Amino acid sequence: NVMVGMVVTCTIYAFYGLFHKGEI
């Protein structure tokens, strides 16, 4: 559960950062 949560967290924030700024 902890590992899945880390993957989901990184994915969601990566989408925001990359689409908004082009960087993480």
PDBML (XML) file of the C-alpha atoms, coordinates in Angstrom:
<?xml version="1.0" encoding="UTF-8" ?>
<PDBx:datablock datablockName="MODEL"
   xmlns:PDBx="http://pdbml.pdb.org/schema/pdbx-v50.xsd"
   xmlns:xsi="http://www.w3.org/2001/XMLSchema-instance"
   xsi:schemaLocation="http://pdbml.pdb.org/schema/pdbx-v50.xsd pdbx-v50.xsd">
   <PDBx:atom_siteCategory>
      <PDBx:atom_site id="1">
         <PDBx:B_iso_or_equiv>0.00</PDBx:B_iso_or_equiv>
         <PDBx:Cartn_x>0.000</PDBx:Cartn_x>
         <PDBx:Cartn_y>0.000</PDBx:Cartn_y>
         <PDBx:Cartn_z>0.000</PDBx:Cartn_z>
         <PDBx:auth_asym_id>A</PDBx:auth_asym_id>
         <PDBx:auth_atom_id>CA</PDBx:auth_atom_id>
         <PDBx:auth_comp_id>ASN</PDBx:auth_comp_id>
         <PDBx:auth_seq_id>1</PDBx:auth_seq_id>
         <PDBx:group_PDB>ATOM</PDBx:group_PDB>
         <PDBx:label_alt_id xsi:nil="true" />
         <PDBx:label_asym_id>A</PDBx:label_asym_id>
         <PDBx:label_atom_id>CA</PDBx:label_atom_id>
         <PDBx:label_comp_id>ASN</PDBx:label_comp_id>
         <PDBx:label_entity_id>1</PDBx:label_entity_id>
         <PDBx:label_seq_id>1</PDBx:label_seq_id>
         <PDBx:occupancy>1.00</PDBx:occupancy>
         <PDBx:pdbx_PDB_model_num>1</PDBx:pdbx_PDB_model_num>
         <PDBx:type_symbol>C</PDBx:type_symbol>
      </PDBx:atom_site>
      <PDBx:atom_site id="2">
         <PDBx:B_iso_or_equiv>0.00</PDBx:B_iso_or_equiv>
         <PDBx:Cartn_x>2.816</PDBx:Cartn_x>
         <PDBx:Cartn_y>2.411</PDBx:Cartn_y>
         <PDBx:Cartn_z>0.863</PDBx:Cartn_z>
         <PDBx:auth_asym_id>A</PDBx:auth_asym_id>
         <PDBx:auth_atom_id>CA</PDBx:auth_atom_id>
         <PDBx:auth_comp_id>VAL</PDBx:auth_comp_id>
         <PDBx:auth_seq_id>2</PDBx:auth_seq_id>
         <PDBx:group_PDB>ATOM</PDBx:group_PDB>
         <PDBx:label_alt_id xsi:nil="true" />
         <PDBx:label_asym_id>A</PDBx:label_asym_id>
         <PDBx:label_atom_id>CA</PDBx:label_atom_id>
         <PDBx:label_comp_id>VAL</PDBx:label_comp_id>
         <PDBx:label_entity_id>1</PDBx:label_entity_id>
         <PDBx:label_seq_id>2</PDBx:label_seq_id>
         <PDBx:occupancy>1.00</PDBx:occupancy>
         <PDBx:pdbx_PDB_model_num>1</PDBx:pdbx_PDB_model_num>
         <PDBx:type_symbol>C</PDBx:type_symbol>
      </PDBx:atom_site>
      <PDBx:atom_site id="3">
         <PDBx:B_iso_or_equiv>0.00</PDBx:B_iso_or_equiv>
         <PDBx:Cartn_x>4.684</PDBx:Cartn_x>
         <PDBx:Cartn_y>1.656</PDBx:Cartn_y>
         <PDBx:Cartn_z>-2.373</PDBx:Cartn_z>
         <PDBx:auth_asym_id>A</PDBx:auth_asym_id>
         <PDBx:auth_atom_id>CA</PDBx:auth_atom_id>
         <PDBx:auth_comp_id>MET</PDBx:auth_comp_id>
         <PDBx:auth_seq_id>3</PDBx:auth_seq_id>
         <PDBx:group_PDB>ATOM</PDBx:group_PDB>
         <PDBx:label_alt_id xsi:nil="true" />
         <PDBx:label_asym_id>A</PDBx:label_asym_id>
         <PDBx:label_atom_id>CA</PDBx:label_atom_id>
         <PDBx:label_comp_id>MET</PDBx:label_comp_id>
         <PDBx:label_entity_id>1</PDBx:label_entity_id>
         <PDBx:label_seq_id>3</PDBx:label_seq_id>
         <PDBx:occupancy>1.00</PDBx:occupancy>
         <PDBx:pdbx_PDB_model_num>1</PDBx:pdbx_PDB_model_num>
         <PDBx:type_symbol>C</PDBx:type_symbol>
      </PDBx:atom_site>
      <PDBx:atom_site id="4">
         <PDBx:B_iso_or_equiv>0.00</PDBx:B_iso_or_equiv>
         <PDBx:Cartn_x>1.573</PDBx:Cartn_x>
         <PDBx:Cartn_y>2.039</PDBx:Cartn_y>
         <PDBx:Cartn_z>-4.509</PDBx:Cartn_z>
         <PDBx:auth_asym_id>A</PDBx:auth_asym_id>
         <PDBx:auth_atom_id>CA</PDBx:auth_atom_id>
         <PDBx:auth_comp_id>VAL</PDBx:auth_comp_id>
         <PDBx:auth_seq_id>4</PDBx:auth_seq_id>
         <PDBx:group_PDB>ATOM</PDBx:group_PDB>
         <PDBx:label_alt_id xsi:nil="true" />
         <PDBx:label_asym_id>A</PDBx:label_asym_id>
         <PDBx:label_atom_id>CA</PDBx:label_atom_id>
         <PDBx:label_comp_id>VAL</PDBx:label_comp_id>
         <PDBx:label_entity_id>1</PDBx:label_entity_id>
         <PDBx:label_seq_id>4</PDBx:label_seq_id>
         <PDBx:occupancy>1.00</PDBx:occupancy>
         <PDBx:pdbx_PDB_model_num>1</PDBx:pdbx_PDB_model_num>
         <PDBx:type_symbol>C</PDBx:type_symbol>
      </PDBx:atom_site>
      <PDBx:atom_site id="5">
         <PDBx:B_iso_or_equiv>0.00</PDBx:B_iso_or_equiv>
         <PDBx:Cartn_x>0.851</PDBx:Cartn_x>
         <PDBx:Cartn_y>5.338</PDBx:Cartn_y>
         <PDBx:Cartn_z>-2.753</PDBx:Cartn_z>
         <PDBx:auth_asym_id>A</PDBx:auth_asym_id>
         <PDBx:auth_atom_id>CA</PDBx:auth_atom_id>
         <PDBx:auth_comp_id>GLY</PDBx:auth_comp_id>
         <PDBx:auth_seq_id>5</PDBx:auth_seq_id>
         <PDBx:group_PDB>ATOM</PDBx:group_PDB>
         <PDBx:label_alt_id xsi:nil="true" />
         <PDBx:label_asym_id>A</PDBx:label_asym_id>
         <PDBx:label_atom_id>CA</PDBx:label_atom_id>
         <PDBx:label_comp_id>GLY</PDBx:label_comp_id>
         <PDBx:label_entity_id>1</PDBx:label_entity_id>
         <PDBx:label_seq_id>5</PDBx:label_seq_id>
         <PDBx:occupancy>1.00</PDBx:occupancy>
         <PDBx:pdbx_PDB_model_num>1</PDBx:pdbx_PDB_model_num>
         <PDBx:type_symbol>C</PDBx:type_symbol>
      </PDBx:atom_site>
      <PDBx:atom_site id="6">
         <PDBx:B_iso_or_equiv>0.00</PDBx:B_iso_or_equiv>
         <PDBx:Cartn_x>4.327</PDBx:Cartn_x>
         <PDBx:Cartn_y>6.626</PDBx:Cartn_y>
         <PDBx:Cartn_z>-3.599</PDBx:Cartn_z>
         <PDBx:auth_asym_id>A</PDBx:auth_asym_id>
         <PDBx:auth_atom_id>CA</PDBx:auth_atom_id>
         <PDBx:auth_comp_id>MET</PDBx:auth_comp_id>
         <PDBx:auth_seq_id>6</PDBx:auth_seq_id>
         <PDBx:group_PDB>ATOM</PDBx:group_PDB>
         <PDBx:label_alt_id xsi:nil="true" />
         <PDBx:label_asym_id>A</PDBx:label_asym_id>
         <PDBx:label_atom_id>CA</PDBx:label_atom_id>
         <PDBx:label_comp_id>MET</PDBx:label_comp_id>
         <PDBx:label_entity_id>1</PDBx:label_entity_id>
         <PDBx:label_seq_id>6</PDBx:label_seq_id>
         <PDBx:occupancy>1.00</PDBx:occupancy>
         <PDBx:pdbx_PDB_model_num>1</PDBx:pdbx_PDB_model_num>
         <PDBx:type_symbol>C</PDBx:type_symbol>
      </PDBx:atom_site>
      <PDBx:atom_site id="7">
         <PDBx:B_iso_or_equiv>0.00</PDBx:B_iso_or_equiv>
         <PDBx:Cartn_x>3.927</PDBx:Cartn_x>
         <PDBx:Cartn_y>5.715</PDBx:Cartn_y>
         <PDBx:Cartn_z>-7.276</PDBx:Cartn_z>
         <PDBx:auth_asym_id>A</PDBx:auth_asym_id>
         <PDBx:auth_atom_id>CA</PDBx:auth_atom_id>
         <PDBx:auth_comp_id>VAL</PDBx:auth_comp_id>
         <PDBx:auth_seq_id>7</PDBx:auth_seq_id>
         <PDBx:group_PDB>ATOM</PDBx:group_PDB>
         <PDBx:label_alt_id xsi:nil="true" />
         <PDBx:label_asym_id>A</PDBx:label_asym_id>
         <PDBx:label_atom_id>CA</PDBx:label_atom_id>
         <PDBx:label_comp_id>VAL</PDBx:label_comp_id>
         <PDBx:label_entity_id>1</PDBx:label_entity_id>
         <PDBx:label_seq_id>7</PDBx:label_seq_id>
         <PDBx:occupancy>1.00</PDBx:occupancy>
         <PDBx:pdbx_PDB_model_num>1</PDBx:pdbx_PDB_model_num>
         <PDBx:type_symbol>C</PDBx:type_symbol>
      </PDBx:atom_site>
      <PDBx:atom_site id="8">
         <PDBx:B_iso_or_equiv>0.00</PDBx:B_iso_or_equiv>
         <PDBx:Cartn_x>0.511</PDBx:Cartn_x>
         <PDBx:Cartn_y>7.395</PDBx:Cartn_y>
         <PDBx:Cartn_z>-7.463</PDBx:Cartn_z>
         <PDBx:auth_asym_id>A</PDBx:auth_asym_id>
         <PDBx:auth_atom_id>CA</PDBx:auth_atom_id>
         <PDBx:auth_comp_id>VAL</PDBx:auth_comp_id>
         <PDBx:auth_seq_id>8</PDBx:auth_seq_id>
         <PDBx:group_PDB>ATOM</PDBx:group_PDB>
         <PDBx:label_alt_id xsi:nil="true" />
         <PDBx:label_asym_id>A</PDBx:label_asym_id>
         <PDBx:label_atom_id>CA</PDBx:label_atom_id>
         <PDBx:label_comp_id>VAL</PDBx:label_comp_id>
         <PDBx:label_entity_id>1</PDBx:label_entity_id>
         <PDBx:label_seq_id>8</PDBx:label_seq_id>
         <PDBx:occupancy>1.00</PDBx:occupancy>
         <PDBx:pdbx_PDB_model_num>1</PDBx:pdbx_PDB_model_num>
         <PDBx:type_symbol>C</PDBx:type_symbol>
      </PDBx:atom_site>
      <PDBx:atom_site id="9">
         <PDBx:B_iso_or_equiv>0.00</PDBx:B_iso_or_equiv>
         <PDBx:Cartn_x>1.769</PDBx:Cartn_x>
         <PDBx:Cartn_y>10.514</PDBx:Cartn_y>
         <PDBx:Cartn_z>-5.668</PDBx:Cartn_z>
         <PDBx:auth_asym_id>A</PDBx:auth_asym_id>
         <PDBx:auth_atom_id>CA</PDBx:auth_atom_id>
         <PDBx:auth_comp_id>THR</PDBx:auth_comp_id>
         <PDBx:auth_seq_id>9</PDBx:auth_seq_id>
         <PDBx:group_PDB>ATOM</PDBx:group_PDB>
         <PDBx:label_alt_id xsi:nil="true" />
         <PDBx:label_asym_id>A</PDBx:label_asym_id>
         <PDBx:label_atom_id>CA</PDBx:label_atom_id>
         <PDBx:label_comp_id>THR</PDBx:label_comp_id>
         <PDBx:label_entity_id>1</PDBx:label_entity_id>
         <PDBx:label_seq_id>9</PDBx:label_seq_id>
         <PDBx:occupancy>1.00</PDBx:occupancy>
         <PDBx:pdbx_PDB_model_num>1</PDBx:pdbx_PDB_model_num>
         <PDBx:type_symbol>C</PDBx:type_symbol>
      </PDBx:atom_site>
      <PDBx:atom_site id="10">
         <PDBx:B_iso_or_equiv>0.00</PDBx:B_iso_or_equiv>
         <PDBx:Cartn_x>4.717</PDBx:Cartn_x>
         <PDBx:Cartn_y>10.910</PDBx:Cartn_y>
         <PDBx:Cartn_z>-8.031</PDBx:Cartn_z>
         <PDBx:auth_asym_id>A</PDBx:auth_asym_id>
         <PDBx:auth_atom_id>CA</PDBx:auth_atom_id>
         <PDBx:auth_comp_id>CYS</PDBx:auth_comp_id>
         <PDBx:auth_seq_id>10</PDBx:auth_seq_id>
         <PDBx:group_PDB>ATOM</PDBx:group_PDB>
         <PDBx:label_alt_id xsi:nil="true" />
         <PDBx:label_asym_id>A</PDBx:label_asym_id>
         <PDBx:label_atom_id>CA</PDBx:label_atom_id>
         <PDBx:label_comp_id>CYS</PDBx:label_comp_id>
         <PDBx:label_entity_id>1</PDBx:label_entity_id>
         <PDBx:label_seq_id>10</PDBx:label_seq_id>
         <PDBx:occupancy>1.00</PDBx:occupancy>
         <PDBx:pdbx_PDB_model_num>1</PDBx:pdbx_PDB_model_num>
         <PDBx:type_symbol>C</PDBx:type_symbol>
      </PDBx:atom_site>
      <PDBx:atom_site id="11">
         <PDBx:B_iso_or_equiv>0.00</PDBx:B_iso_or_equiv>
         <PDBx:Cartn_x>2.533</PDBx:Cartn_x>
         <PDBx:Cartn_y>10.338</PDBx:Cartn_y>
         <PDBx:Cartn_z>-11.087</PDBx:Cartn_z>
         <PDBx:auth_asym_id>A</PDBx:auth_asym_id>
         <PDBx:auth_atom_id>CA</PDBx:auth_atom_id>
         <PDBx:auth_comp_id>THR</PDBx:auth_comp_id>
         <PDBx:auth_seq_id>11</PDBx:auth_seq_id>
         <PDBx:group_PDB>ATOM</PDBx:group_PDB>
         <PDBx:label_alt_id xsi:nil="true" />
         <PDBx:label_asym_id>A</PDBx:label_asym_id>
         <PDBx:label_atom_id>CA</PDBx:label_atom_id>
         <PDBx:label_comp_id>THR</PDBx:label_comp_id>
         <PDBx:label_entity_id>1</PDBx:label_entity_id>
         <PDBx:label_seq_id>11</PDBx:label_seq_id>
         <PDBx:occupancy>1.00</PDBx:occupancy>
         <PDBx:pdbx_PDB_model_num>1</PDBx:pdbx_PDB_model_num>
         <PDBx:type_symbol>C</PDBx:type_symbol>
      </PDBx:atom_site>
      <PDBx:atom_site id="12">
         <PDBx:B_iso_or_equiv>0.00</PDBx:B_iso_or_equiv>
         <PDBx:Cartn_x>-0.105</PDBx:Cartn_x>
         <PDBx:Cartn_y>12.905</PDBx:Cartn_y>
         <PDBx:Cartn_z>-10.123</PDBx:Cartn_z>
         <PDBx:auth_asym_id>A</PDBx:auth_asym_id>
         <PDBx:auth_atom_id>CA</PDBx:auth_atom_id>
         <PDBx:auth_comp_id>ILE</PDBx:auth_comp_id>
         <PDBx:auth_seq_id>12</PDBx:auth_seq_id>
         <PDBx:group_PDB>ATOM</PDBx:group_PDB>
         <PDBx:label_alt_id xsi:nil="true" />
         <PDBx:label_asym_id>A</PDBx:label_asym_id>
         <PDBx:label_atom_id>CA</PDBx:label_atom_id>
         <PDBx:label_comp_id>ILE</PDBx:label_comp_id>
         <PDBx:label_entity_id>1</PDBx:label_entity_id>
         <PDBx:label_seq_id>12</PDBx:label_seq_id>
         <PDBx:occupancy>1.00</PDBx:occupancy>
         <PDBx:pdbx_PDB_model_num>1</PDBx:pdbx_PDB_model_num>
         <PDBx:type_symbol>C</PDBx:type_symbol>
      </PDBx:atom_site>
      <PDBx:atom_site id="13">
         <PDBx:B_iso_or_equiv>0.00</PDBx:B_iso_or_equiv>
         <PDBx:Cartn_x>2.389</PDBx:Cartn_x>
         <PDBx:Cartn_y>15.620</PDBx:Cartn_y>
         <PDBx:Cartn_z>-9.253</PDBx:Cartn_z>
         <PDBx:auth_asym_id>A</PDBx:auth_asym_id>
         <PDBx:auth_atom_id>CA</PDBx:auth_atom_id>
         <PDBx:auth_comp_id>TYR</PDBx:auth_comp_id>
         <PDBx:auth_seq_id>13</PDBx:auth_seq_id>
         <PDBx:group_PDB>ATOM</PDBx:group_PDB>
         <PDBx:label_alt_id xsi:nil="true" />
         <PDBx:label_asym_id>A</PDBx:label_asym_id>
         <PDBx:label_atom_id>CA</PDBx:label_atom_id>
         <PDBx:label_comp_id>TYR</PDBx:label_comp_id>
         <PDBx:label_entity_id>1</PDBx:label_entity_id>
         <PDBx:label_seq_id>13</PDBx:label_seq_id>
         <PDBx:occupancy>1.00</PDBx:occupancy>
         <PDBx:pdbx_PDB_model_num>1</PDBx:pdbx_PDB_model_num>
         <PDBx:type_symbol>C</PDBx:type_symbol>
      </PDBx:atom_site>
      <PDBx:atom_site id="14">
         <PDBx:B_iso_or_equiv>0.00</PDBx:B_iso_or_equiv>
         <PDBx:Cartn_x>4.499</PDBx:Cartn_x>
         <PDBx:Cartn_y>14.826</PDBx:Cartn_y>
         <PDBx:Cartn_z>-12.329</PDBx:Cartn_z>
         <PDBx:auth_asym_id>A</PDBx:auth_asym_id>
         <PDBx:auth_atom_id>CA</PDBx:auth_atom_id>
         <PDBx:auth_comp_id>ALA</PDBx:auth_comp_id>
         <PDBx:auth_seq_id>14</PDBx:auth_seq_id>
         <PDBx:group_PDB>ATOM</PDBx:group_PDB>
         <PDBx:label_alt_id xsi:nil="true" />
         <PDBx:label_asym_id>A</PDBx:label_asym_id>
         <PDBx:label_atom_id>CA</PDBx:label_atom_id>
         <PDBx:label_comp_id>ALA</PDBx:label_comp_id>
         <PDBx:label_entity_id>1</PDBx:label_entity_id>
         <PDBx:label_seq_id>14</PDBx:label_seq_id>
         <PDBx:occupancy>1.00</PDBx:occupancy>
         <PDBx:pdbx_PDB_model_num>1</PDBx:pdbx_PDB_model_num>
         <PDBx:type_symbol>C</PDBx:type_symbol>
      </PDBx:atom_site>
      <PDBx:atom_site id="15">
         <PDBx:B_iso_or_equiv>0.00</PDBx:B_iso_or_equiv>
         <PDBx:Cartn_x>1.501</PDBx:Cartn_x>
         <PDBx:Cartn_y>15.417</PDBx:Cartn_y>
         <PDBx:Cartn_z>-14.580</PDBx:Cartn_z>
         <PDBx:auth_asym_id>A</PDBx:auth_asym_id>
         <PDBx:auth_atom_id>CA</PDBx:auth_atom_id>
         <PDBx:auth_comp_id>PHE</PDBx:auth_comp_id>
         <PDBx:auth_seq_id>15</PDBx:auth_seq_id>
         <PDBx:group_PDB>ATOM</PDBx:group_PDB>
         <PDBx:label_alt_id xsi:nil="true" />
         <PDBx:label_asym_id>A</PDBx:label_asym_id>
         <PDBx:label_atom_id>CA</PDBx:label_atom_id>
         <PDBx:label_comp_id>PHE</PDBx:label_comp_id>
         <PDBx:label_entity_id>1</PDBx:label_entity_id>
         <PDBx:label_seq_id>15</PDBx:label_seq_id>
         <PDBx:occupancy>1.00</PDBx:occupancy>
         <PDBx:pdbx_PDB_model_num>1</PDBx:pdbx_PDB_model_num>
         <PDBx:type_symbol>C</PDBx:type_symbol>
      </PDBx:atom_site>
      <PDBx:atom_site id="16">
         <PDBx:B_iso_or_equiv>0.00</PDBx:B_iso_or_equiv>
         <PDBx:Cartn_x>0.844</PDBx:Cartn_x>
         <PDBx:Cartn_y>18.771</PDBx:Cartn_y>
         <PDBx:Cartn_z>-12.922</PDBx:Cartn_z>
         <PDBx:auth_asym_id>A</PDBx:auth_asym_id>
         <PDBx:auth_atom_id>CA</PDBx:auth_atom_id>
         <PDBx:auth_comp_id>TYR</PDBx:auth_comp_id>
         <PDBx:auth_seq_id>16</PDBx:auth_seq_id>
         <PDBx:group_PDB>ATOM</PDBx:group_PDB>
         <PDBx:label_alt_id xsi:nil="true" />
         <PDBx:label_asym_id>A</PDBx:label_asym_id>
         <PDBx:label_atom_id>CA</PDBx:label_atom_id>
         <PDBx:label_comp_id>TYR</PDBx:label_comp_id>
         <PDBx:label_entity_id>1</PDBx:label_entity_id>
         <PDBx:label_seq_id>16</PDBx:label_seq_id>
         <PDBx:occupancy>1.00</PDBx:occupancy>
         <PDBx:pdbx_PDB_model_num>1</PDBx:pdbx_PDB_model_num>
         <PDBx:type_symbol>C</PDBx:type_symbol>
      </PDBx:atom_site>
      <PDBx:atom_site id="17">
         <PDBx:B_iso_or_equiv>0.00</PDBx:B_iso_or_equiv>
         <PDBx:Cartn_x>4.466</PDBx:Cartn_x>
         <PDBx:Cartn_y>19.918</PDBx:Cartn_y>
         <PDBx:Cartn_z>-13.013</PDBx:Cartn_z>
         <PDBx:auth_asym_id>A</PDBx:auth_asym_id>
         <PDBx:auth_atom_id>CA</PDBx:auth_atom_id>
         <PDBx:auth_comp_id>GLY</PDBx:auth_comp_id>
         <PDBx:auth_seq_id>17</PDBx:auth_seq_id>
         <PDBx:group_PDB>ATOM</PDBx:group_PDB>
         <PDBx:label_alt_id xsi:nil="true" />
         <PDBx:label_asym_id>A</PDBx:label_asym_id>
         <PDBx:label_atom_id>CA</PDBx:label_atom_id>
         <PDBx:label_comp_id>GLY</PDBx:label_comp_id>
         <PDBx:label_entity_id>1</PDBx:label_entity_id>
         <PDBx:label_seq_id>17</PDBx:label_seq_id>
         <PDBx:occupancy>1.00</PDBx:occupancy>
         <PDBx:pdbx_PDB_model_num>1</PDBx:pdbx_PDB_model_num>
         <PDBx:type_symbol>C</PDBx:type_symbol>
      </PDBx:atom_site>
      <PDBx:atom_site id="18">
         <PDBx:B_iso_or_equiv>0.00</PDBx:B_iso_or_equiv>
         <PDBx:Cartn_x>5.189</PDBx:Cartn_x>
         <PDBx:Cartn_y>18.790</PDBx:Cartn_y>
         <PDBx:Cartn_z>-16.577</PDBx:Cartn_z>
         <PDBx:auth_asym_id>A</PDBx:auth_asym_id>
         <PDBx:auth_atom_id>CA</PDBx:auth_atom_id>
         <PDBx:auth_comp_id>LEU</PDBx:auth_comp_id>
         <PDBx:auth_seq_id>18</PDBx:auth_seq_id>
         <PDBx:group_PDB>ATOM</PDBx:group_PDB>
         <PDBx:label_alt_id xsi:nil="true" />
         <PDBx:label_asym_id>A</PDBx:label_asym_id>
         <PDBx:label_atom_id>CA</PDBx:label_atom_id>
         <PDBx:label_comp_id>LEU</PDBx:label_comp_id>
         <PDBx:label_entity_id>1</PDBx:label_entity_id>
         <PDBx:label_seq_id>18</PDBx:label_seq_id>
         <PDBx:occupancy>1.00</PDBx:occupancy>
         <PDBx:pdbx_PDB_model_num>1</PDBx:pdbx_PDB_model_num>
         <PDBx:type_symbol>C</PDBx:type_symbol>
      </PDBx:atom_site>
      <PDBx:atom_site id="19">
         <PDBx:B_iso_or_equiv>0.00</PDBx:B_iso_or_equiv>
         <PDBx:Cartn_x>2.018</PDBx:Cartn_x>
         <PDBx:Cartn_y>20.193</PDBx:Cartn_y>
         <PDBx:Cartn_z>-18.114</PDBx:Cartn_z>
         <PDBx:auth_asym_id>A</PDBx:auth_asym_id>
         <PDBx:auth_atom_id>CA</PDBx:auth_atom_id>
         <PDBx:auth_comp_id>PHE</PDBx:auth_comp_id>
         <PDBx:auth_seq_id>19</PDBx:auth_seq_id>
         <PDBx:group_PDB>ATOM</PDBx:group_PDB>
         <PDBx:label_alt_id xsi:nil="true" />
         <PDBx:label_asym_id>A</PDBx:label_asym_id>
         <PDBx:label_atom_id>CA</PDBx:label_atom_id>
         <PDBx:label_comp_id>PHE</PDBx:label_comp_id>
         <PDBx:label_entity_id>1</PDBx:label_entity_id>
         <PDBx:label_seq_id>19</PDBx:label_seq_id>
         <PDBx:occupancy>1.00</PDBx:occupancy>
         <PDBx:pdbx_PDB_model_num>1</PDBx:pdbx_PDB_model_num>
         <PDBx:type_symbol>C</PDBx:type_symbol>
      </PDBx:atom_site>
      <PDBx:atom_site id="20">
         <PDBx:B_iso_or_equiv>0.00</PDBx:B_iso_or_equiv>
         <PDBx:Cartn_x>2.280</PDBx:Cartn_x>
         <PDBx:Cartn_y>23.428</PDBx:Cartn_y>
         <PDBx:Cartn_z>-16.115</PDBx:Cartn_z>
         <PDBx:auth_asym_id>A</PDBx:auth_asym_id>
         <PDBx:auth_atom_id>CA</PDBx:auth_atom_id>
         <PDBx:auth_comp_id>HIS</PDBx:auth_comp_id>
         <PDBx:auth_seq_id>20</PDBx:auth_seq_id>
         <PDBx:group_PDB>ATOM</PDBx:group_PDB>
         <PDBx:label_alt_id xsi:nil="true" />
         <PDBx:label_asym_id>A</PDBx:label_asym_id>
         <PDBx:label_atom_id>CA</PDBx:label_atom_id>
         <PDBx:label_comp_id>HIS</PDBx:label_comp_id>
         <PDBx:label_entity_id>1</PDBx:label_entity_id>
         <PDBx:label_seq_id>20</PDBx:label_seq_id>
         <PDBx:occupancy>1.00</PDBx:occupancy>
         <PDBx:pdbx_PDB_model_num>1</PDBx:pdbx_PDB_model_num>
         <PDBx:type_symbol>C</PDBx:type_symbol>
      </PDBx:atom_site>
      <PDBx:atom_site id="21">
         <PDBx:B_iso_or_equiv>0.00</PDBx:B_iso_or_equiv>
         <PDBx:Cartn_x>6.011</PDBx:Cartn_x>
         <PDBx:Cartn_y>24.141</PDBx:Cartn_y>
         <PDBx:Cartn_z>-16.210</PDBx:Cartn_z>
         <PDBx:auth_asym_id>A</PDBx:auth_asym_id>
         <PDBx:auth_atom_id>CA</PDBx:auth_atom_id>
         <PDBx:auth_comp_id>LYS</PDBx:auth_comp_id>
         <PDBx:auth_seq_id>21</PDBx:auth_seq_id>
         <PDBx:group_PDB>ATOM</PDBx:group_PDB>
         <PDBx:label_alt_id xsi:nil="true" />
         <PDBx:label_asym_id>A</PDBx:label_asym_id>
         <PDBx:label_atom_id>CA</PDBx:label_atom_id>
         <PDBx:label_comp_id>LYS</PDBx:label_comp_id>
         <PDBx:label_entity_id>1</PDBx:label_entity_id>
         <PDBx:label_seq_id>21</PDBx:label_seq_id>
         <PDBx:occupancy>1.00</PDBx:occupancy>
         <PDBx:pdbx_PDB_model_num>1</PDBx:pdbx_PDB_model_num>
         <PDBx:type_symbol>C</PDBx:type_symbol>
      </PDBx:atom_site>
      <PDBx:atom_site id="22">
         <PDBx:B_iso_or_equiv>0.00</PDBx:B_iso_or_equiv>
         <PDBx:Cartn_x>7.644</PDBx:Cartn_x>
         <PDBx:Cartn_y>21.435</PDBx:Cartn_y>
         <PDBx:Cartn_z>-18.262</PDBx:Cartn_z>
         <PDBx:auth_asym_id>A</PDBx:auth_asym_id>
         <PDBx:auth_atom_id>CA</PDBx:auth_atom_id>
         <PDBx:auth_comp_id>GLY</PDBx:auth_comp_id>
         <PDBx:auth_seq_id>22</PDBx:auth_seq_id>
         <PDBx:group_PDB>ATOM</PDBx:group_PDB>
         <PDBx:label_alt_id xsi:nil="true" />
         <PDBx:label_asym_id>A</PDBx:label_asym_id>
         <PDBx:label_atom_id>CA</PDBx:label_atom_id>
         <PDBx:label_comp_id>GLY</PDBx:label_comp_id>
         <PDBx:label_entity_id>1</PDBx:label_entity_id>
         <PDBx:label_seq_id>22</PDBx:label_seq_id>
         <PDBx:occupancy>1.00</PDBx:occupancy>
         <PDBx:pdbx_PDB_model_num>1</PDBx:pdbx_PDB_model_num>
         <PDBx:type_symbol>C</PDBx:type_symbol>
      </PDBx:atom_site>
      <PDBx:atom_site id="23">
         <PDBx:B_iso_or_equiv>0.00</PDBx:B_iso_or_equiv>
         <PDBx:Cartn_x>9.647</PDBx:Cartn_x>
         <PDBx:Cartn_y>20.338</PDBx:Cartn_y>
         <PDBx:Cartn_z>-15.236</PDBx:Cartn_z>
         <PDBx:auth_asym_id>A</PDBx:auth_asym_id>
         <PDBx:auth_atom_id>CA</PDBx:auth_atom_id>
         <PDBx:auth_comp_id>GLU</PDBx:auth_comp_id>
         <PDBx:auth_seq_id>23</PDBx:auth_seq_id>
         <PDBx:group_PDB>ATOM</PDBx:group_PDB>
         <PDBx:label_alt_id xsi:nil="true" />
         <PDBx:label_asym_id>A</PDBx:label_asym_id>
         <PDBx:label_atom_id>CA</PDBx:label_atom_id>
         <PDBx:label_comp_id>GLU</PDBx:label_comp_id>
         <PDBx:label_entity_id>1</PDBx:label_entity_id>
         <PDBx:label_seq_id>23</PDBx:label_seq_id>
         <PDBx:occupancy>1.00</PDBx:occupancy>
         <PDBx:pdbx_PDB_model_num>1</PDBx:pdbx_PDB_model_num>
         <PDBx:type_symbol>C</PDBx:type_symbol>
      </PDBx:atom_site>
      <PDBx:atom_site id="24">
         <PDBx:B_iso_or_equiv>0.00</PDBx:B_iso_or_equiv>
         <PDBx:Cartn_x>9.221</PDBx:Cartn_x>
         <PDBx:Cartn_y>18.558</PDBx:Cartn_y>
         <PDBx:Cartn_z>-11.929</PDBx:Cartn_z>
         <PDBx:auth_asym_id>A</PDBx:auth_asym_id>
         <PDBx:auth_atom_id>CA</PDBx:auth_atom_id>
         <PDBx:auth_comp_id>ILE</PDBx:auth_comp_id>
         <PDBx:auth_seq_id>24</PDBx:auth_seq_id>
         <PDBx:group_PDB>ATOM</PDBx:group_PDB>
         <PDBx:label_alt_id xsi:nil="true" />
         <PDBx:label_asym_id>A</PDBx:label_asym_id>
         <PDBx:label_atom_id>CA</PDBx:label_atom_id>
         <PDBx:label_comp_id>ILE</PDBx:label_comp_id>
         <PDBx:label_entity_id>1</PDBx:label_entity_id>
         <PDBx:label_seq_id>24</PDBx:label_seq_id>
         <PDBx:occupancy>1.00</PDBx:occupancy>
         <PDBx:pdbx_PDB_model_num>1</PDBx:pdbx_PDB_model_num>
         <PDBx:type_symbol>C</PDBx:type_symbol>
      </PDBx:atom_site>
   </PDBx:atom_siteCategory>
</PDBx:datablock>
